[in-house]
Amino acid sequence: MQPLPDSRTLTAHVAMQQLEAMAAPSFDLGVKRLNGTMLVREGWGAKQVLKALLWLRRENLHQGHIYIRPAGPHGLNLVDDLTATMLLRMQAQGFAPAAVIESSPGNF
């Protein structure tokens, strides 16, 4: 049996998979802090994002919300705060998501 990867390794692996799936040359990154301020980093390459994971984990630990999207025009859309029922209804109507992530308890 192989040992489980540590959380940093797993986070880096999952983050890389998500960045690759978005297939963008660069990304815009946002961190919304608990006090409402928003830090924005624009036009970062995947390597820059991966190097920032420790900082992003720390921001998340302090209840910061992390946002990432492809920079510039792209064909991806984020639909947030869907219940499981709403997600199933969308899929039944032909909207097939590339990824489904539970962004907060009961919200996809």
C-alpha atoms as a PDB file:
ATOM      1  CA  MET A   1       0.000   0.000   0.000  1.00  0.00           C
ATOM      2  CA  GLN A   2       1.383   3.403  -0.987  1.00  0.00           C
ATOM      3  CA  PRO A   3       1.538   6.142   1.648  1.00  0.00           C
ATOM      4  CA  LEU A   4      -0.915   9.005   1.253  1.00  0.00           C
ATOM      5  CA  PRO A   5       0.587  12.239  -0.052  1.00  0.00           C
ATOM      6  CA  ASP A   6       0.840  15.119   2.397  1.00  0.00           C
ATOM      7  CA  SER A   7      -1.723  17.905   2.044  1.00  0.00           C
ATOM      8  CA  ARG A   8       0.728  20.282   0.307  1.00  0.00           C
ATOM      9  CA  THR A   9       1.562  17.704  -2.343  1.00  0.00           C
ATOM     10  CA  LEU A  10      -2.099  16.856  -2.856  1.00  0.00           C
ATOM     11  CA  THR A  11      -3.049  20.539  -3.104  1.00  0.00           C
ATOM     12  CA  ALA A  12      -0.328  21.171  -5.696  1.00  0.00           C
ATOM     13  CA  HIS A  13      -1.419  18.133  -7.716  1.00  0.00           C
ATOM     14  CA  VAL A  14      -5.107  19.126  -7.720  1.00  0.00           C
ATOM     15  CA  ALA A  15      -4.285  22.779  -8.473  1.00  0.00           C
ATOM     16  CA  MET A  16      -2.137  21.747 -11.436  1.00  0.00           C
ATOM     17  CA  GLN A  17      -4.910  19.521 -12.771  1.00  0.00           C
ATOM     18  CA  GLN A  18      -7.380  22.396 -12.545  1.00  0.00           C
ATOM     19  CA  LEU A  19      -5.026  24.863 -14.236  1.00  0.00           C
ATOM     20  CA  GLU A  20      -4.326  22.388 -17.038  1.00  0.00           C
ATOM     21  CA  ALA A  21      -8.059  21.712 -17.470  1.00  0.00           C
ATOM     22  CA  MET A  22      -8.716  25.433 -17.959  1.00  0.00           C
ATOM     23  CA  ALA A  23      -6.139  25.373 -20.778  1.00  0.00           C
ATOM     24  CA  ALA A  24      -5.253  29.052 -20.486  1.00  0.00           C
ATOM     25  CA  PRO A  25      -1.820  30.632 -20.970  1.00  0.00           C
ATOM     26  CA  SER A  26      -2.294  32.882 -17.924  1.00  0.00           C
ATOM     27  CA  PHE A  27      -4.622  33.415 -14.981  1.00  0.00           C
ATOM     28  CA  ASP A  28      -6.069  36.160 -12.810  1.00  0.00           C
ATOM     29  CA  LEU A  29      -5.990  35.431  -9.112  1.00  0.00           C
ATOM     30  CA  GLY A  30      -8.103  37.075  -6.425  1.00  0.00           C
ATOM     31  CA  VAL A  31      -8.038  36.824  -2.646  1.00  0.00           C
ATOM     32  CA  LYS A  32     -10.986  38.322  -0.799  1.00  0.00           C
ATOM     33  CA  ARG A  33     -10.006  38.840   2.806  1.00  0.00           C
ATOM     34  CA  LEU A  34     -12.336  38.711   5.783  1.00  0.00           C
ATOM     35  CA  ASN A  35     -12.272  42.522   6.071  1.00  0.00           C
ATOM     36  CA  GLY A  36     -13.610  42.791   2.491  1.00  0.00           C
ATOM     37  CA  THR A  37     -10.398  43.861   0.775  1.00  0.00           C
ATOM     38  CA  MET A  38      -9.602  42.127  -2.480  1.00  0.00           C
ATOM     39  CA  LEU A  39      -6.051  41.395  -3.589  1.00  0.00           C
ATOM     40  CA  VAL A  40      -5.755  40.814  -7.334  1.00  0.00           C
ATOM     41  CA  ARG A  41      -2.851  39.374  -9.314  1.00  0.00           C
ATOM     42  CA  GLU A  42      -3.316  39.425 -13.082  1.00  0.00           C
ATOM     43  CA  GLY A  43      -1.676  37.508 -15.885  1.00  0.00           C
ATOM     44  CA  TRP A  44       0.088  34.867 -13.798  1.00  0.00           C
ATOM     45  CA  GLY A  45       1.369  31.705 -15.442  1.00  0.00           C
ATOM     46  CA  ALA A  46       0.607  28.295 -13.950  1.00  0.00           C
ATOM     47  CA  LYS A  47       4.078  28.112 -12.365  1.00  0.00           C
ATOM     48  CA  GLN A  48       3.530  31.436 -10.581  1.00  0.00           C
ATOM     49  CA  VAL A  49       0.183  30.217  -9.252  1.00  0.00           C
ATOM     50  CA  LEU A  50       1.738  26.977  -7.999  1.00  0.00           C
ATOM     51  CA  LYS A  51       4.565  28.896  -6.314  1.00  0.00           C
ATOM     52  CA  ALA A  52       1.907  30.990  -4.522  1.00  0.00           C
ATOM     53  CA  LEU A  53       0.064  28.001  -3.035  1.00  0.00           C
ATOM     54  CA  LEU A  54       1.622  28.403   0.405  1.00  0.00           C
ATOM     55  CA  TRP A  55       0.504  32.045   0.505  1.00  0.00           C
ATOM     56  CA  LEU A  56      -2.980  31.081  -0.773  1.00  0.00           C
ATOM     57  CA  ARG A  57      -3.317  28.329   1.842  1.00  0.00           C
ATOM     58  CA  ARG A  58      -2.390  30.851   4.536  1.00  0.00           C
ATOM     59  CA  GLU A  59      -4.976  33.334   3.218  1.00  0.00           C
ATOM     60  CA  ASN A  60      -7.591  30.571   3.170  1.00  0.00           C
ATOM     61  CA  LEU A  61      -6.678  29.585   6.732  1.00  0.00           C
ATOM     62  CA  HIS A  62      -7.457  33.179   7.736  1.00  0.00           C
ATOM     63  CA  GLN A  63     -10.898  32.814   6.064  1.00  0.00           C
ATOM     64  CA  GLY A  64      -9.866  34.428   2.794  1.00  0.00           C
ATOM     65  CA  HIS A  65     -11.749  33.358  -0.322  1.00  0.00           C
ATOM     66  CA  ILE A  66      -9.552  32.372  -3.262  1.00  0.00           C
ATOM     67  CA  TYR A  67     -10.649  32.993  -6.859  1.00  0.00           C
ATOM     68  CA  ILE A  68      -8.870  32.049 -10.053  1.00  0.00           C
ATOM     69  CA  ARG A  69      -9.902  32.403 -13.663  1.00  0.00           C
ATOM     70  CA  PRO A  70      -8.246  32.395 -17.070  1.00  0.00           C
ATOM     71  CA  ALA A  71      -6.918  35.860 -17.942  1.00  0.00           C
ATOM     72  CA  GLY A  72      -8.508  37.649 -20.879  1.00  0.00           C
ATOM     73  CA  PRO A  73     -11.285  36.312 -23.101  1.00  0.00           C
ATOM     74  CA  HIS A  74     -12.115  32.643 -22.564  1.00  0.00           C
ATOM     75  CA  GLY A  75     -14.961  30.178 -23.015  1.00  0.00           C
ATOM     76  CA  LEU A  76     -15.352  29.146 -19.377  1.00  0.00           C
ATOM     77  CA  ASN A  77     -18.174  30.122 -17.048  1.00  0.00           C
ATOM     78  CA  LEU A  78     -18.441  29.747 -13.298  1.00  0.00           C
ATOM     79  CA  VAL A  79     -21.883  29.026 -11.918  1.00  0.00           C
ATOM     80  CA  ASP A  80     -21.802  29.194  -8.125  1.00  0.00           C
ATOM     81  CA  ASP A  81     -24.170  28.462  -5.257  1.00  0.00           C
ATOM     82  CA  LEU A  82     -26.114  25.681  -6.951  1.00  0.00           C
ATOM     83  CA  THR A  83     -27.881  23.077  -4.842  1.00  0.00           C
ATOM     84  CA  ALA A  84     -27.537  19.431  -5.858  1.00  0.00           C
ATOM     85  CA  THR A  85     -31.088  19.577  -7.271  1.00  0.00           C
ATOM     86  CA  MET A  86     -30.303  22.651  -9.370  1.00  0.00           C
ATOM     87  CA  LEU A  87     -27.134  21.002 -10.672  1.00  0.00           C
ATOM     88  CA  LEU A  88     -29.068  17.890 -11.717  1.00  0.00           C
ATOM     89  CA  ARG A  89     -31.684  20.084 -13.448  1.00  0.00           C
ATOM     90  CA  MET A  90     -28.961  21.899 -15.408  1.00  0.00           C
ATOM     91  CA  GLN A  91     -27.418  18.588 -16.464  1.00  0.00           C
ATOM     92  CA  ALA A  92     -30.835  17.261 -17.554  1.00  0.00           C
ATOM     93  CA  GLN A  93     -31.216  20.368 -19.747  1.00  0.00           C
ATOM     94  CA  GLY A  94     -27.917  19.640 -21.512  1.00  0.00           C
ATOM     95  CA  PHE A  95     -25.479  21.817 -19.572  1.00  0.00           C
ATOM     96  CA  ALA A  96     -22.563  19.495 -18.877  1.00  0.00           C
ATOM     97  CA  PRO A  97     -20.066  20.947 -16.412  1.00  0.00           C
ATOM     98  CA  ALA A  98     -16.358  20.436 -16.895  1.00  0.00           C
ATOM     99  CA  ALA A  99     -15.991  20.238 -13.119  1.00  0.00           C
ATOM    100  CA  VAL A 100     -18.282  20.262 -10.097  1.00  0.00           C
ATOM    101  CA  ILE A 101     -16.791  21.559  -6.881  1.00  0.00           C
ATOM    102  CA  GLU A 102     -18.526  21.932  -3.539  1.00  0.00           C
ATOM    103  CA  SER A 103     -17.458  25.515  -2.817  1.00  0.00           C
ATOM    104  CA  SER A 104     -19.173  25.594   0.577  1.00  0.00           C
ATOM    105  CA  PRO A 105     -21.398  23.084   2.375  1.00  0.00           C
ATOM    106  CA  GLY A 106     -24.327  22.219   0.099  1.00  0.00           C
ATOM    107  CA  ASN A 107     -23.266  24.716  -2.596  1.00  0.00           C
ATOM    108  CA  PHE A 108     -21.768  23.530  -5.848  1.00  0.00           C
END
